[in-house]
N, C-alpha and C. Protein backbone atom coordinates (compact mmCIF):
# COMPACT_ATOMS: atom_id res chain seq x y z
N MET A 1 73.68 -46.80 -20.09
CA MET A 1 73.24 -45.26 -20.26
C MET A 1 71.31 -45.05 -20.87
N ARG A 2 70.52 -44.46 -20.71
CA ARG A 2 69.61 -44.32 -21.53
C ARG A 2 69.74 -43.25 -22.61
N LYS A 3 69.20 -43.47 -23.49
CA LYS A 3 69.07 -42.07 -24.61
C LYS A 3 67.77 -41.78 -24.58
N ALA A 4 67.63 -40.26 -25.04
CA ALA A 4 66.56 -39.43 -25.19
C ALA A 4 66.23 -38.67 -26.23
N ARG A 5 65.65 -38.04 -26.89
CA ARG A 5 65.89 -36.69 -27.21
C ARG A 5 65.04 -35.68 -27.30
N ILE A 6 65.46 -34.20 -26.95
CA ILE A 6 64.66 -33.10 -26.90
C ILE A 6 64.48 -32.42 -27.96
N TYR A 7 63.78 -31.99 -28.55
CA TYR A 7 62.62 -31.09 -29.55
C TYR A 7 61.81 -30.04 -29.13
N GLN A 8 61.36 -29.42 -29.95
CA GLN A 8 60.31 -28.31 -29.66
C GLN A 8 59.63 -28.55 -30.68
N GLN A 9 58.24 -28.76 -29.79
CA GLN A 9 57.49 -28.64 -30.89
C GLN A 9 56.92 -28.03 -31.87
N GLY A 10 56.89 -27.78 -33.46
CA GLY A 10 55.44 -26.75 -33.93
C GLY A 10 54.43 -26.75 -34.00
N THR A 11 53.77 -25.83 -34.89
CA THR A 11 52.36 -25.61 -34.72
C THR A 11 51.99 -26.57 -35.47
N ARG A 12 50.50 -27.04 -35.19
CA ARG A 12 50.29 -28.10 -35.99
C ARG A 12 49.52 -27.98 -37.59
N ALA A 13 49.58 -28.78 -37.97
CA ALA A 13 48.69 -28.16 -39.38
C ALA A 13 47.29 -27.26 -39.36
N THR A 14 46.50 -28.09 -38.65
CA THR A 14 45.78 -28.16 -38.52
C THR A 14 44.94 -27.04 -37.33
N GLN A 15 45.54 -26.56 -36.87
CA GLN A 15 45.11 -25.26 -35.87
C GLN A 15 46.34 -23.86 -36.41
N SER A 16 46.00 -22.97 -35.58
CA SER A 16 46.16 -21.63 -35.85
C SER A 16 46.79 -20.79 -35.07
N GLY A 17 46.33 -21.78 -33.72
CA GLY A 17 46.94 -20.66 -32.33
C GLY A 17 48.40 -21.19 -32.33
N ARG A 18 48.72 -20.50 -30.90
CA ARG A 18 49.83 -21.01 -30.80
C ARG A 18 50.61 -21.56 -29.04
N ALA A 19 49.16 -22.13 -28.81
CA ALA A 19 49.44 -22.86 -27.53
C ALA A 19 50.09 -24.05 -27.56
N ARG A 20 51.22 -24.17 -26.27
CA ARG A 20 52.13 -25.07 -26.44
C ARG A 20 53.22 -24.98 -27.63
N ALA A 21 53.51 -24.28 -28.38
CA ALA A 21 54.75 -24.09 -29.45
C ALA A 21 55.70 -24.14 -29.20
N ASP A 22 55.50 -23.47 -27.69
CA ASP A 22 57.15 -22.95 -27.21
C ASP A 22 57.96 -24.01 -26.16
N SER A 23 56.70 -24.95 -26.17
CA SER A 23 57.44 -25.90 -25.24
C SER A 23 58.54 -26.79 -25.61
N TRP A 24 58.98 -27.64 -24.69
CA TRP A 24 60.22 -28.48 -25.36
C TRP A 24 60.38 -29.28 -24.85
N VAL A 25 59.98 -31.02 -25.87
CA VAL A 25 59.76 -32.08 -25.56
C VAL A 25 60.96 -32.98 -25.39
N LEU A 26 60.98 -34.35 -24.46
CA LEU A 26 61.79 -35.02 -24.41
C LEU A 26 60.94 -36.24 -24.47
N ASP A 27 61.61 -37.47 -25.18
CA ASP A 27 60.95 -38.16 -25.40
C ASP A 27 62.05 -39.49 -25.50
N PRO A 28 61.92 -40.58 -24.07
CA PRO A 28 62.69 -41.45 -24.11
C PRO A 28 62.81 -42.76 -25.38
N GLU A 29 64.28 -43.05 -25.74
CA GLU A 29 64.42 -43.93 -26.96
C GLU A 29 63.85 -45.37 -26.30
N PRO A 30 63.40 -46.22 -27.04
CA PRO A 30 62.89 -47.81 -26.50
C PRO A 30 64.04 -48.17 -25.98
N ALA A 31 63.60 -48.97 -25.00
CA ALA A 31 65.00 -49.85 -24.55
C ALA A 31 65.21 -51.15 -25.21
N GLU A 32 64.18 -51.48 -25.30
CA GLU A 32 63.77 -53.08 -26.25
C GLU A 32 63.27 -52.99 -27.42
N ALA A 33 63.76 -53.93 -28.34
CA ALA A 33 62.96 -53.79 -29.85
C ALA A 33 61.17 -54.07 -29.44
N ARG A 34 60.44 -53.85 -30.34
CA ARG A 34 58.60 -54.28 -30.68
C ARG A 34 58.88 -55.46 -30.92
N GLN A 35 57.99 -56.43 -30.78
CA GLN A 35 57.74 -57.56 -31.33
C GLN A 35 56.24 -57.67 -31.48
N ALA A 36 56.12 -58.85 -33.00
CA ALA A 36 54.85 -59.32 -32.87
C ALA A 36 54.63 -60.20 -31.90
N ASP A 37 52.58 -59.91 -31.11
CA ASP A 37 52.04 -60.82 -30.40
C ASP A 37 51.95 -62.34 -31.17
N PRO A 38 52.38 -63.41 -30.75
CA PRO A 38 52.42 -64.38 -31.63
C PRO A 38 50.93 -64.70 -31.80
N LEU A 39 49.74 -64.74 -30.76
CA LEU A 39 48.07 -64.93 -30.92
C LEU A 39 47.71 -63.96 -31.69
N MET A 40 47.84 -62.36 -31.20
CA MET A 40 46.91 -61.74 -32.12
C MET A 40 48.08 -60.70 -33.41
N GLY A 41 49.00 -60.82 -33.16
CA GLY A 41 50.12 -60.10 -34.40
C GLY A 41 49.85 -58.63 -34.12
N TRP A 42 49.55 -58.06 -32.87
CA TRP A 42 49.68 -56.57 -32.52
C TRP A 42 51.37 -56.68 -32.06
N VAL A 43 51.87 -55.60 -32.70
CA VAL A 43 52.90 -55.29 -32.09
C VAL A 43 53.25 -54.27 -30.51
N GLY A 44 54.24 -54.35 -30.18
CA GLY A 44 54.20 -53.92 -28.35
C GLY A 44 55.82 -54.31 -27.66
N SER A 45 55.80 -53.96 -27.11
CA SER A 45 56.99 -54.51 -25.99
C SER A 45 56.65 -54.14 -24.89
N GLY A 46 57.68 -55.07 -23.92
CA GLY A 46 57.22 -54.11 -22.20
C GLY A 46 58.34 -53.20 -22.00
N ASP A 47 58.50 -52.17 -22.49
CA ASP A 47 58.75 -51.23 -22.10
C ASP A 47 58.07 -50.01 -21.92
N THR A 48 57.48 -49.56 -20.86
CA THR A 48 56.91 -48.73 -20.72
C THR A 48 57.22 -47.20 -20.93
N GLU A 49 58.51 -46.88 -20.97
CA GLU A 49 59.16 -45.50 -20.99
C GLU A 49 58.79 -44.78 -22.45
N THR A 50 58.41 -45.26 -23.69
CA THR A 50 58.08 -45.19 -24.81
C THR A 50 56.58 -44.08 -24.46
N GLN A 51 55.64 -44.56 -24.09
CA GLN A 51 54.31 -43.71 -23.46
C GLN A 51 54.66 -42.87 -22.85
N VAL A 52 55.79 -41.88 -22.41
CA VAL A 52 56.10 -41.30 -21.52
C VAL A 52 56.27 -40.49 -22.22
N ARG A 53 55.94 -39.02 -22.12
CA ARG A 53 56.11 -37.71 -22.71
C ARG A 53 56.14 -36.64 -21.97
N LEU A 54 57.65 -36.46 -22.13
CA LEU A 54 57.55 -34.83 -20.85
C LEU A 54 57.49 -33.38 -21.59
N THR A 55 56.87 -32.87 -21.06
CA THR A 55 57.29 -31.32 -21.63
C THR A 55 58.09 -30.52 -20.72
N PHE A 56 58.42 -29.21 -21.23
CA PHE A 56 58.91 -28.74 -20.00
C PHE A 56 58.68 -26.70 -20.89
N PRO A 57 59.01 -25.84 -19.67
CA PRO A 57 59.13 -24.35 -20.21
C PRO A 57 60.23 -24.27 -21.38
N THR A 58 61.60 -24.39 -20.72
CA THR A 58 62.68 -23.83 -21.47
C THR A 58 63.53 -25.35 -22.19
N LEU A 59 64.39 -25.11 -22.81
CA LEU A 59 65.33 -26.19 -23.14
C LEU A 59 66.30 -25.75 -21.80
N GLU A 60 66.86 -25.70 -21.08
CA GLU A 60 67.90 -25.68 -19.56
C GLU A 60 66.99 -26.48 -18.93
N ALA A 61 65.50 -26.55 -18.79
CA ALA A 61 64.66 -27.49 -18.02
C ALA A 61 64.84 -28.96 -18.16
N ALA A 62 64.87 -28.76 -19.13
CA ALA A 62 64.44 -30.03 -20.16
C ALA A 62 65.88 -30.99 -19.84
N ARG A 63 67.17 -30.28 -20.38
CA ARG A 63 68.59 -30.83 -19.94
C ARG A 63 68.50 -31.13 -18.61
N ALA A 64 68.40 -30.26 -17.70
CA ALA A 64 68.48 -30.69 -15.74
C ALA A 64 67.82 -31.85 -15.91
N TYR A 65 66.69 -31.60 -16.42
CA TYR A 65 66.34 -32.71 -15.73
C TYR A 65 66.81 -33.82 -16.39
N ALA A 66 67.21 -34.17 -17.82
CA ALA A 66 67.51 -35.06 -18.20
C ALA A 66 68.83 -35.32 -17.33
N ALA A 67 69.45 -34.90 -17.30
CA ALA A 67 71.26 -34.92 -16.58
C ALA A 67 71.07 -35.48 -15.04
N ARG A 68 70.04 -34.77 -14.32
CA ARG A 68 69.59 -35.51 -13.38
C ARG A 68 69.36 -37.11 -13.05
N GLU A 69 68.69 -37.02 -14.25
CA GLU A 69 67.77 -38.72 -14.38
C GLU A 69 68.53 -39.91 -15.06
N GLY A 70 69.71 -39.27 -15.29
CA GLY A 70 70.58 -40.47 -16.31
C GLY A 70 70.66 -39.96 -18.14
N PHE A 71 69.57 -39.24 -18.67
CA PHE A 71 69.43 -39.78 -19.94
C PHE A 71 70.77 -39.23 -20.99
N VAL A 72 70.85 -39.48 -21.73
CA VAL A 72 72.34 -38.71 -22.92
C VAL A 72 71.39 -38.46 -23.59
N VAL A 73 71.27 -37.23 -23.79
CA VAL A 73 69.75 -36.25 -24.75
C VAL A 73 70.49 -35.68 -26.34
N GLU A 74 69.97 -36.27 -27.37
CA GLU A 74 70.70 -35.18 -28.40
C GLU A 74 69.34 -34.39 -28.70
N VAL A 75 69.66 -32.82 -28.65
CA VAL A 75 68.64 -31.96 -29.16
C VAL A 75 69.16 -31.64 -30.50
N LEU A 76 67.09 -31.39 -30.98
CA LEU A 76 66.96 -31.14 -31.89
C LEU A 76 66.79 -29.73 -32.44
N PRO A 77 66.69 -29.28 -33.23
CA PRO A 77 67.06 -27.65 -33.50
C PRO A 77 65.43 -27.64 -33.47
N ALA A 78 64.51 -26.45 -32.86
CA ALA A 78 63.63 -26.15 -33.47
C ALA A 78 63.03 -25.83 -34.72
N PRO A 79 62.10 -26.59 -35.36
CA PRO A 79 61.53 -26.02 -36.74
C PRO A 79 61.40 -24.22 -37.00
N ALA A 80 62.45 -24.31 -38.33
CA ALA A 80 62.32 -22.69 -38.59
C ALA A 80 59.99 -21.88 -38.44
N LYS A 81 60.44 -21.10 -38.15
CA LYS A 81 59.00 -20.59 -38.09
C LYS A 81 58.61 -19.55 -39.59
N ARG A 82 57.98 -19.96 -39.97
CA ARG A 82 57.60 -19.81 -40.92
C ARG A 82 56.47 -18.84 -41.02
N LEU A 83 56.17 -17.56 -41.94
CA LEU A 83 54.90 -16.44 -41.69
C LEU A 83 54.58 -16.26 -43.52
N ILE A 84 53.65 -16.96 -43.46
CA ILE A 84 53.10 -16.53 -45.65
C ILE A 84 51.71 -15.27 -45.30
N LEU A 85 52.44 -14.37 -45.41
CA LEU A 85 51.12 -12.87 -45.66
C LEU A 85 50.62 -13.24 -46.84
N GLN A 86 49.01 -12.89 -46.90
CA GLN A 86 48.20 -13.72 -47.91
C GLN A 86 47.01 -12.26 -47.12
N SER A 87 46.58 -11.92 -48.58
CA SER A 87 45.48 -11.18 -48.38
C SER A 87 44.30 -12.20 -48.71
N TYR A 88 42.75 -11.93 -48.34
CA TYR A 88 42.06 -12.91 -48.15
C TYR A 88 41.60 -12.89 -49.46
N ALA A 89 41.96 -11.95 -50.55
CA ALA A 89 41.25 -12.47 -51.97
C ALA A 89 41.99 -13.22 -52.19
N GLU A 90 43.10 -13.68 -52.06
CA GLU A 90 44.33 -14.37 -52.89
C GLU A 90 43.60 -16.03 -52.28
N ASN A 91 42.42 -16.28 -51.51
CA ASN A 91 41.85 -17.67 -51.39
C ASN A 91 41.08 -18.06 -52.61
N PHE A 92 40.66 -16.88 -53.83
CA PHE A 92 39.52 -16.58 -54.29
C PHE A 92 40.29 -16.75 -55.76
N ARG A 93 41.49 -16.49 -55.93
CA ARG A 93 42.19 -16.86 -57.62
C ARG A 93 42.28 -18.29 -57.38
């Protein structure tokens, strides 16, 4: 059985917008360990599923896809939404 994580992305620290903040992401776990290349020393593997990151509009859609494709999923809770209220004048204190 293939394993995957389903989580909801939070907002980026460098962005104030809410675009793609409510989407759910399915990340498959690597099927094989990463190894160092003997010639160059770069780390990599032959598993191409680690390059795939699927996004879904709802958690139910992500779970339905995972069940259809045979993934055993671990659902991580959504990060807590913090709202810091401050006035513009507090930037200069």
